[in-house]
Amino acid sequence: MRSSREIREVVSAGKRVGNSSATLHFLPSETNQFAIIVSKAVGSAVERNLVKRRIRSILSGLEARPSKIKAAVRVKPAAASASYQVLAADIADLVERAS
């Protein structure tokens, strides 16, 4: 998802699940579509970009799921200090709970 209109629609009308690393707002869809929202509260631009790259990598591995969702991943500040393995487990847990 790239347009702010789509992201606002998912955040306002969709269901929500969360954990210590992120909150996932989602709606059922015909294909998997994800948006990553990282605020300045997460850290500096370097930290925010690192977290976005990690989450993008994690989500690309989860795209072969049978149930499809349109989702916005809102990252929490704790994600900046989490290791890749912890972040991967947290994101996979959110996507699984969204099914």
Protein backbone atom coordinates (compact mmCIF):
# COMPACT_ATOMS: atom_id res chain seq x y z
CA MET A 1 0.00 0.00 0.00
CA ARG A 2 1.33 3.38 -0.90
CA SER A 3 -1.51 5.86 -0.77
CA SER A 4 -2.36 7.59 2.48
CA ARG A 5 -6.06 7.09 1.73
CA GLU A 6 -5.65 3.29 1.76
CA ILE A 7 -3.57 3.40 4.94
CA ARG A 8 -6.13 5.63 6.70
CA GLU A 9 -8.92 3.26 5.61
CA VAL A 10 -7.12 0.22 7.06
CA VAL A 11 -6.23 2.00 10.32
CA SER A 12 -9.70 3.44 10.90
CA ALA A 13 -11.93 0.60 9.63
CA GLY A 14 -9.73 -2.43 10.23
CA LYS A 15 -9.22 -4.72 13.19
CA ARG A 16 -6.12 -4.41 15.36
CA VAL A 17 -3.68 -6.73 17.12
CA GLY A 18 -0.53 -5.69 18.94
CA ASN A 19 2.47 -6.70 20.99
CA SER A 20 5.57 -4.99 22.41
CA SER A 21 7.17 -4.31 19.00
CA ALA A 22 4.27 -3.22 16.80
CA THR A 23 0.56 -2.89 16.21
CA LEU A 24 -0.99 -4.44 13.11
CA HIS A 25 -4.14 -2.84 11.65
CA PHE A 26 -5.69 -5.12 9.01
CA LEU A 27 -8.58 -5.84 6.68
CA PRO A 28 -9.24 -8.93 4.53
CA SER A 29 -8.04 -8.54 0.96
CA GLU A 30 -7.50 -10.41 -2.30
CA THR A 31 -3.70 -10.00 -2.06
CA ASN A 32 -1.22 -9.32 0.72
CA GLN A 33 -0.47 -5.61 0.97
CA PHE A 34 1.53 -4.01 3.76
CA ALA A 35 2.43 -0.49 4.83
CA ILE A 36 5.05 0.22 7.50
CA ILE A 37 4.53 3.23 9.76
CA VAL A 38 7.55 4.30 11.82
CA SER A 39 7.29 7.52 13.86
CA LYS A 40 10.13 9.69 15.12
CA ALA A 41 9.54 8.24 18.59
CA VAL A 42 11.32 5.08 17.37
CA GLY A 43 14.63 6.92 17.03
CA SER A 44 16.86 8.72 14.59
CA ALA A 45 16.45 8.43 10.82
CA VAL A 46 19.13 5.73 10.73
CA GLU A 47 17.32 3.65 13.38
CA ARG A 48 13.92 4.14 11.72
CA ASN A 49 15.26 3.04 8.34
CA LEU A 50 16.94 -0.01 9.87
CA VAL A 51 13.67 -1.05 11.49
CA LYS A 52 11.78 -0.52 8.20
CA ARG A 53 14.30 -2.62 6.27
CA ARG A 54 14.09 -5.41 8.84
CA ILE A 55 10.29 -5.44 8.83
CA ARG A 56 10.16 -5.33 5.02
CA SER A 57 12.47 -8.36 4.95
CA ILE A 58 10.36 -10.22 7.51
CA LEU A 59 7.11 -9.47 5.67
CA SER A 60 8.51 -10.63 2.33
CA GLY A 61 9.05 -14.06 3.85
CA LEU A 62 5.46 -14.19 5.11
CA GLU A 63 3.75 -13.33 1.81
CA ALA A 64 3.04 -16.95 0.85
CA ARG A 65 0.30 -17.25 3.48
CA PRO A 66 -3.03 -18.73 2.35
CA SER A 67 -5.16 -15.98 3.94
CA LYS A 68 -4.60 -12.53 2.44
CA ILE A 69 -4.72 -9.21 4.31
CA LYS A 70 -4.25 -5.53 3.66
CA ALA A 71 -2.32 -4.30 6.70
CA ALA A 72 -0.55 -1.32 8.24
CA VAL A 73 2.28 -2.15 10.66
CA ARG A 74 2.65 0.66 13.22
CA VAL A 75 6.07 0.22 14.82
CA LYS A 76 6.58 0.93 18.53
CA PRO A 77 9.80 2.42 20.02
CA ALA A 78 10.77 -0.95 21.57
CA ALA A 79 11.35 -2.33 18.06
CA ALA A 80 14.47 -0.18 17.65
CA SER A 81 16.31 -2.06 20.39
CA ALA A 82 14.95 -5.51 19.51
CA SER A 83 17.15 -8.03 17.72
CA TYR A 84 16.18 -9.26 14.25
CA GLN A 85 15.06 -12.63 15.65
CA VAL A 86 12.82 -11.03 18.29
CA LEU A 87 11.35 -8.63 15.74
CA ALA A 88 10.75 -11.49 13.28
CA ALA A 89 8.96 -13.53 15.95
CA ASP A 90 6.81 -10.54 16.98
CA ILE A 91 5.82 -9.66 13.40
CA ALA A 92 5.10 -13.30 12.50
CA ASP A 93 2.95 -13.56 15.64
CA LEU A 94 0.94 -10.46 14.63
CA VAL A 95 0.38 -11.71 11.09
CA GLU A 96 -0.65 -15.14 12.40
CA ARG A 97 -3.13 -13.59 14.85
CA ALA A 98 -4.58 -11.50 12.01
CA SER A 99 -5.56 -14.67 10.11
